[in-house]
Amino acid sequence: DFIPRTAEIVDDLCFIKSMHTGAVNHAPAINYFLTGAEQPGRPSIGAWATYGLGTETEELPGFVVMTSRDKEASCGQIFYDFYWGSGFLPSKYQGVRFRGSGDPVLYLSNPDGMSRDVRRGLLDDLAQLNEQHYAEFADPEIATRIAQYELAFRMQASVPELTDLTSERAATLDMYGPDARRPGSFAANCLLARRLIERGVRFVQLYHRGWDNHNGLPVNIPRQARDVDQPQAALILDLKQRGLLDDTLVIWAGEFGRTVYGQGGLQENYGRDHHGRCFSMW
């Protein structure tokens, strides 16, 4: 009842109802889900994917992360950078987080008086210095820095084009819902996810917080469902109609389940506690 748009695409979904975990606090549980360890320090799944499979574009990162939250900010849950970290892999495989307001990536624009040609010359000189250091020390992080400077230069041209939605048809924006035009929303992030995928980005990860309903469940769960229902259904439909769903795997999951019994009694603002022994994903 809370996700009618998702219900319309149910034939495209596969539900796994046997998920379980031993970690029932947020950060350890999310980190376990993404890296296989409760403690930070191991590569995330996105880092492994880009390390093992590479990327299909040189204009954008191979692994992009976007975060959003419910409008009412009902949950203070934190997203930590190590969720999309590269662990012991070279840091060029870590996720690049796009911001939800302002420029999606800092310093996309050159300072006043700095032309693109001047920037190119500075980077060329810097690369020569870094290559001398790499020849002397063979530190893979120096190679990463050279590669990331070059990627950042290319992103100055590719990211503004990526985030310019004027080329999207009004019908497509409407399909993702009214929040699709609001930067930083889950709906806008879903639309950007499709645009990233069609441009060859290997791994895109969306986080939406506001699910930790120890109380206020009857009010907050419908809000959360409204946030994600239409955009996530639109993403599946959009990928499908463009032929991108043929080779794109979409995974929707939480960090653990919630108890089957009410927390805080039967008053109107009851909630659910953390529960690791059973939860579902699609």
Protein backbone atom coordinates (compact mmCIF):
# COMPACT_ATOMS: atom_id res chain seq x y z
CA ASP A 1 0.00 0.00 0.00
CA PHE A 2 2.88 2.39 0.73
CA ILE A 3 4.77 1.69 -2.52
CA PRO A 4 2.13 1.49 -5.30
CA ARG A 5 4.55 2.56 -8.09
CA THR A 6 7.03 -0.15 -7.12
CA ALA A 7 4.17 -2.64 -7.01
CA GLU A 8 3.53 -1.90 -10.69
CA ILE A 9 7.02 -3.14 -11.64
CA VAL A 10 7.05 -6.13 -9.31
CA ASP A 11 7.47 -8.58 -12.20
CA ASP A 12 10.92 -7.12 -12.84
CA LEU A 13 12.00 -7.65 -9.22
CA CYS A 14 13.46 -10.63 -7.39
CA PHE A 15 12.91 -10.64 -3.62
CA ILE A 16 15.33 -12.29 -1.21
CA LYS A 17 13.62 -12.78 2.14
CA SER A 18 16.34 -14.79 3.90
CA MET A 19 18.82 -12.03 4.66
CA HIS A 20 20.40 -12.07 8.12
CA THR A 21 23.32 -10.40 9.85
CA GLY A 22 25.16 -10.51 13.14
CA ALA A 23 25.68 -6.74 13.23
CA VAL A 24 22.81 -4.68 14.62
CA ASN A 25 24.27 -1.20 15.07
CA HIS A 26 24.18 1.06 12.03
CA ALA A 27 27.81 1.69 11.11
CA PRO A 28 29.05 -1.89 11.74
CA ALA A 29 26.02 -3.36 9.95
CA ILE A 30 26.31 -1.14 6.88
CA ASN A 31 30.06 -1.64 6.74
CA TYR A 32 29.60 -5.41 7.05
CA PHE A 33 27.06 -5.37 4.24
CA LEU A 34 29.35 -3.36 1.96
CA THR A 35 32.80 -4.74 2.83
CA GLY A 36 32.34 -8.07 4.61
CA ALA A 37 33.76 -6.70 7.88
CA GLU A 38 32.21 -4.72 10.73
CA GLN A 39 35.39 -2.67 11.23
CA PRO A 40 36.44 -0.03 8.67
CA GLY A 41 39.49 -0.78 6.55
CA ARG A 42 38.45 -3.27 3.89
CA PRO A 43 37.54 -2.28 0.31
CA SER A 44 33.88 -1.60 -0.37
CA ILE A 45 31.95 -3.54 -3.00
CA GLY A 46 32.09 -0.58 -5.38
CA ALA A 47 35.87 -0.36 -5.01
CA TRP A 48 36.21 -4.09 -5.74
CA ALA A 49 33.95 -3.78 -8.81
CA THR A 50 35.94 -0.94 -10.35
CA TYR A 51 39.25 -2.60 -9.40
CA GLY A 52 38.23 -5.89 -11.00
CA LEU A 53 36.20 -4.69 -13.98
CA GLY A 54 37.53 -1.20 -14.68
CA THR A 55 35.27 1.51 -16.02
CA GLU A 56 33.76 2.27 -19.41
CA THR A 57 34.42 6.01 -19.27
CA GLU A 58 37.44 8.22 -18.80
CA GLU A 59 35.35 11.34 -18.30
CA LEU A 60 33.77 10.38 -14.97
CA PRO A 61 34.76 8.31 -11.92
CA GLY A 62 34.18 4.59 -12.10
CA PHE A 63 32.40 4.61 -8.72
CA VAL A 64 30.01 7.42 -7.74
CA VAL A 65 28.10 7.84 -4.47
CA MET A 66 25.12 10.10 -3.74
CA THR A 67 23.29 10.56 -0.44
CA SER A 68 19.88 11.95 0.47
CA ARG A 69 17.59 12.20 3.48
CA ASP A 70 13.91 12.58 4.21
CA LYS A 71 12.63 16.16 4.01
CA GLU A 72 11.57 16.16 7.65
CA ALA A 73 15.08 15.10 8.77
CA SER A 74 13.43 12.69 11.18
CA CYS A 75 16.53 10.53 11.55
CA GLY A 76 20.03 11.66 12.41
CA GLN A 77 21.76 8.59 11.01
CA ILE A 78 25.23 9.39 9.61
CA PHE A 79 26.84 8.19 6.39
CA TYR A 80 30.57 7.63 6.83
CA ASP A 81 33.11 7.95 4.02
CA PHE A 82 34.53 4.51 4.76
CA TYR A 83 31.29 2.96 3.46
CA TRP A 84 32.60 3.66 -0.05
CA GLY A 85 36.30 3.52 0.76
CA SER A 86 38.96 1.52 -1.06
CA GLY A 87 40.60 -0.01 2.03
CA PHE A 88 43.94 -1.53 1.10
CA LEU A 89 43.33 -1.06 -2.65
CA PRO A 90 44.80 2.06 -4.28
CA SER A 91 42.66 5.05 -3.38
CA LYS A 92 41.70 5.75 -7.01
CA TYR A 93 39.14 2.96 -6.58
CA GLN A 94 37.27 4.64 -3.72
CA GLY A 95 33.86 6.15 -4.41
CA VAL A 96 33.56 9.79 -5.43
CA ARG A 97 30.73 11.43 -3.52
CA PHE A 98 28.60 13.94 -5.41
CA ARG A 99 27.19 16.69 -3.22
CA GLY A 100 23.47 17.40 -3.10
CA SER A 101 23.72 21.21 -3.31
CA GLY A 102 25.91 23.65 -5.19
CA ASP A 103 28.49 22.14 -7.51
CA PRO A 104 28.23 18.33 -7.21
CA VAL A 105 32.03 18.24 -7.00
CA LEU A 106 34.06 21.02 -5.39
CA TYR A 107 36.34 23.20 -7.53
CA LEU A 108 34.75 22.27 -10.86
CA SER A 109 35.17 25.87 -11.93
CA ASN A 110 38.62 27.37 -12.40
CA PRO A 111 39.41 30.49 -10.34
CA ASP A 112 39.00 33.88 -11.97
CA GLY A 113 41.87 34.52 -14.35
CA MET A 114 42.70 30.82 -14.72
CA SER A 115 41.99 29.61 -18.25
CA ARG A 116 41.62 25.95 -19.17
CA ASP A 117 44.87 26.12 -21.16
CA VAL A 118 46.76 27.50 -18.17
CA ARG A 119 45.27 24.79 -15.96
CA ARG A 120 46.36 22.17 -18.49
CA GLY A 121 49.91 23.50 -18.43
CA LEU A 122 50.05 23.47 -14.64
CA LEU A 123 48.84 19.88 -14.53
CA ASP A 124 51.40 18.82 -17.12
CA ASP A 125 54.23 20.33 -15.04
CA LEU A 126 52.83 18.78 -11.86
CA ALA A 127 52.58 15.38 -13.57
CA GLN A 128 56.26 15.53 -14.49
CA LEU A 129 57.21 16.19 -10.86
CA ASN A 130 54.94 13.40 -9.64
CA GLU A 131 56.34 10.98 -12.22
CA GLN A 132 59.87 11.74 -10.97
CA HIS A 133 58.74 10.94 -7.42
CA TYR A 134 57.03 7.77 -8.61
CA ALA A 135 60.20 6.62 -10.40
CA GLU A 136 62.11 7.11 -7.14
CA PHE A 137 59.65 5.68 -4.59
CA ALA A 138 57.21 3.50 -6.61
CA ASP A 139 54.39 4.47 -4.22
CA PRO A 140 51.07 3.53 -5.89
CA GLU A 141 49.42 6.53 -4.24
CA ILE A 142 51.62 8.80 -6.37
CA ALA A 143 50.28 7.07 -9.49
CA THR A 144 46.78 7.50 -8.07
CA ARG A 145 47.35 11.22 -7.61
CA ILE A 146 48.52 11.61 -11.21
CA ALA A 147 45.46 9.74 -12.46
CA GLN A 148 43.04 11.67 -10.23
CA TYR A 149 44.38 15.06 -11.28
CA GLU A 150 43.75 14.08 -14.88
CA LEU A 151 40.27 12.78 -14.05
CA ALA A 152 39.46 15.99 -12.19
CA PHE A 153 40.48 18.02 -15.25
CA ARG A 154 38.18 15.98 -17.49
CA MET A 155 35.36 16.21 -14.92
CA GLN A 156 35.43 20.00 -15.21
CA ALA A 157 33.86 19.45 -18.63
CA SER A 158 31.87 16.24 -18.09
CA VAL A 159 30.13 16.87 -14.74
CA PRO A 160 28.34 20.13 -15.71
CA GLU A 161 26.99 18.31 -18.79
CA LEU A 162 25.97 15.33 -16.64
CA THR A 163 24.00 17.45 -14.17
CA ASP A 164 22.35 19.70 -16.77
CA LEU A 165 18.84 18.25 -17.00
CA THR A 166 17.62 20.59 -19.73
CA SER A 167 18.10 17.78 -22.25
CA GLU A 168 15.68 15.54 -20.33
CA ARG A 169 12.12 15.38 -21.63
CA ALA A 170 9.44 16.75 -19.32
CA ALA A 171 7.76 13.32 -19.39
CA THR A 172 10.95 11.72 -18.03
CA LEU A 173 11.24 14.25 -15.21
CA ASP A 174 7.56 13.75 -14.38
CA MET A 175 8.08 9.98 -14.32
CA TYR A 176 10.64 10.39 -11.51
CA GLY A 177 8.23 12.61 -9.57
CA PRO A 178 8.06 16.18 -8.29
CA ASP A 179 11.33 15.91 -6.38
CA ALA A 180 13.32 15.09 -9.53
CA ARG A 181 13.94 18.82 -10.02
CA ARG A 182 15.17 19.26 -6.42
CA PRO A 183 18.95 18.68 -6.24
CA GLY A 184 20.02 16.29 -3.51
CA SER A 185 16.69 14.46 -3.30
CA PHE A 186 16.43 10.70 -3.74
CA ALA A 187 14.46 11.31 -6.94
CA ALA A 188 17.13 13.60 -8.41
CA ASN A 189 19.79 11.07 -7.44
CA CYS A 190 17.90 8.26 -9.18
CA LEU A 191 17.75 10.32 -12.37
CA LEU A 192 21.46 11.14 -12.10
CA ALA A 193 22.15 7.43 -11.52
CA ARG A 194 20.57 6.62 -14.89
CA ARG A 195 22.59 9.39 -16.56
CA LEU A 196 25.80 8.07 -14.96
CA ILE A 197 25.06 4.51 -16.04
CA GLU A 198 24.40 5.46 -19.65
CA ARG A 199 27.70 7.36 -19.65
CA GLY A 200 29.63 4.25 -18.64
CA VAL A 201 30.08 4.66 -14.88
CA ARG A 202 30.60 1.16 -13.50
CA PHE A 203 29.13 1.42 -9.99
CA VAL A 204 26.59 3.93 -8.67
CA GLN A 205 25.47 3.85 -5.06
CA LEU A 206 22.54 5.78 -3.55
CA TYR A 207 21.99 6.14 0.19
CA HIS A 208 18.74 7.50 1.67
CA ARG A 209 18.48 7.95 5.41
CA GLY A 210 15.48 8.25 7.69
CA TRP A 211 14.60 4.59 8.26
CA ASP A 212 15.64 4.26 11.92
CA ASN A 213 12.13 4.45 13.33
CA HIS A 214 12.39 3.52 16.99
CA ASN A 215 9.30 5.69 17.36
CA GLY A 216 6.94 7.62 15.11
CA LEU A 217 6.67 4.65 12.76
CA PRO A 218 3.05 5.19 11.58
CA VAL A 219 3.97 8.69 10.33
CA ASN A 220 7.55 8.24 9.20
CA ILE A 221 7.38 5.02 7.20
CA PRO A 222 4.75 6.40 4.78
CA ARG A 223 6.97 9.48 4.33
CA GLN A 224 10.01 7.37 3.58
CA ALA A 225 8.00 5.22 1.18
CA ARG A 226 6.81 8.32 -0.68
CA ASP A 227 10.41 9.52 -0.97
CA VAL A 228 11.61 6.36 -2.69
CA ASP A 229 8.60 4.70 -4.31
CA GLN A 230 8.10 6.68 -7.51
CA PRO A 231 11.80 7.42 -8.18
CA GLN A 232 12.99 3.84 -7.71
CA ALA A 233 10.20 2.50 -9.95
CA ALA A 234 11.02 5.20 -12.52
CA LEU A 235 14.69 4.23 -12.48
CA ILE A 236 13.83 0.61 -13.32
CA LEU A 237 11.42 1.66 -16.07
CA ASP A 238 13.86 4.22 -17.47
CA LEU A 239 16.73 1.72 -17.59
CA LYS A 240 14.43 -0.84 -19.16
CA GLN A 241 13.08 1.40 -21.93
CA ARG A 242 16.63 2.44 -22.87
CA GLY A 243 17.91 -1.14 -22.97
CA LEU A 244 20.22 -0.48 -20.02
CA LEU A 245 18.50 -2.92 -17.67
CA ASP A 246 19.80 -5.79 -19.81
CA ASP A 247 23.26 -5.38 -18.28
CA THR A 248 22.58 -3.33 -15.13
CA LEU A 249 21.96 -4.94 -11.75
CA VAL A 250 19.87 -2.83 -9.35
CA ILE A 251 20.05 -3.85 -5.68
CA TRP A 252 17.84 -2.35 -2.97
CA ALA A 253 18.63 -3.20 0.64
CA GLY A 254 18.84 -1.97 4.20
CA GLU A 255 21.43 -2.73 6.83
CA PHE A 256 19.32 -5.11 8.98
CA GLY A 257 15.70 -5.82 9.79
CA ARG A 258 13.36 -4.44 12.46
CA THR A 259 11.57 -6.28 15.23
CA VAL A 260 8.13 -7.74 14.59
CA TYR A 261 6.92 -6.29 17.91
CA GLY A 262 6.31 -2.65 18.80
CA GLN A 263 8.90 -0.64 20.65
CA GLY A 264 7.54 1.77 23.23
CA GLY A 265 4.12 0.24 23.69
CA LEU A 266 0.99 0.61 21.60
CA GLN A 267 0.65 4.39 21.64
CA GLU A 268 0.43 6.23 18.34
CA ASN A 269 4.15 6.92 18.07
CA TYR A 270 5.37 3.35 18.50
CA GLY A 271 8.39 2.10 16.61
CA ARG A 272 10.57 -0.93 15.89
CA ASP A 273 14.00 -1.84 17.23
CA HIS A 274 16.97 -3.24 15.26
CA HIS A 275 16.74 -6.94 14.38
CA GLY A 276 19.44 -8.84 12.52
CA ARG A 277 17.96 -12.29 12.07
CA CYS A 278 15.62 -11.66 9.18
CA PHE A 279 15.19 -8.98 6.54
CA SER A 280 14.47 -8.67 2.84
CA MET A 281 16.03 -7.05 -0.19
CA TRP A 282 15.28 -6.89 -3.90
